[in-house]
Structure formats: structure tokens, C-alpha cells
Amino acid sequence: MSVDFGARAVKKGESKEFRERVRQGLLEAKARTPLLSPLLTPCGVTVLYLPPRNASKIDLDNLVRESIIPAVHEILQPPATPRDFLLQVNPGEIDPHLAEMLERYKRAPKFHITGYQVFCLPRTPEDPENGNVRLILHGGDFEQTICELLDSALTDWEDSDPDD
């Protein structure tokens, strides 16, 4: 799932407007993709950020944590664990070690993403003047970050034998 939130807040007072665009974008994406509602598996978030042409720098971590992640939790409600299944299990009838693990899962937050990444994209002359913020929702198995995955692919490509 990909959601375009438009330009980030630049001027004082635009933060509330940006957060509302994030909420609206997620609500529309949820309605457009009923297969993903409810989400039954943990997921991760990648944000692609294109900076405005003439604006001050921004802390991208704060942009994601304050404006995007709370709305993803509220609207898409990605599960932190297979919680609904775990709540059905009666820990009194199982191995004590497993019962302890299930109790830890039950205390986990009900909605949670497994992780997020944010990338600042280089501008080109054709880019919109005010920049852009886009969310990509994907599977929550963060074995490698996008940077690590690309680095690994490029290394494999460099090391490959052209005669193969």
C-alpha cells in the first residue's frame, strides 16, 4: 500500500493541516483496499520524503513519529502480535515457559508497527516546489533495511562473473 500525503508542513500552523492530510490519506487507502482491513499481520512503514525547494531542514524522525505513525496506528491498526489468537489460549493448561511468553505478548501494545525507515530523496528540477511525503506500508519482517538490501545487491552484482 502506498499513500501520498502531499507536501509537509513548512509554515507555522500547517502541522495540523498536514496531520489531517495524513489521516485522510490513510482512510482513503483503507477504503480503496478492503483486503487489507483488518490487517492480520505485523507491518512496517517506509516514508519517502522529497524536501521543499526553499524550506528549512526538518528532523525526519520527528516527522514520522509525530505525524505519521500515530495515524497508522489509529486508522490501520496493524497488530503487534497475533494477539487475537493469543488471547484465546488458556495459559493454565500449557507449559509454564509458554504461558509466561503468552503473558508477555498479551501485555504488548494492541496496535504497533515493527519498524519504520525514512529516506530523504534528492531533488530534481521537475519535482514539485513544495516537496512531497509518501508512505509505503509493507510486511513487517525487517531482516534488512532498504539500504542494507541495496548494498548487498550491488555488492553481489559487483562480485558476479560477467561470463556466467
Foldseek 3Di string as FASTA:
>chain_A
DKFWQFFADFDPPCNVVSLVSLLVRLQVVCVVCVVPVQPQAAKEKEKEWEAAPDGDDDDVVCCCVPRHQVSCCVRRVGAPDNQVVLVPDDLVPDDVVVSVVSVVSNPDDGGDHLYYYYDHDYDDPPADNRIIMMMDMGHRPCPDDPVRVVVVVVVCVVPDDPVD
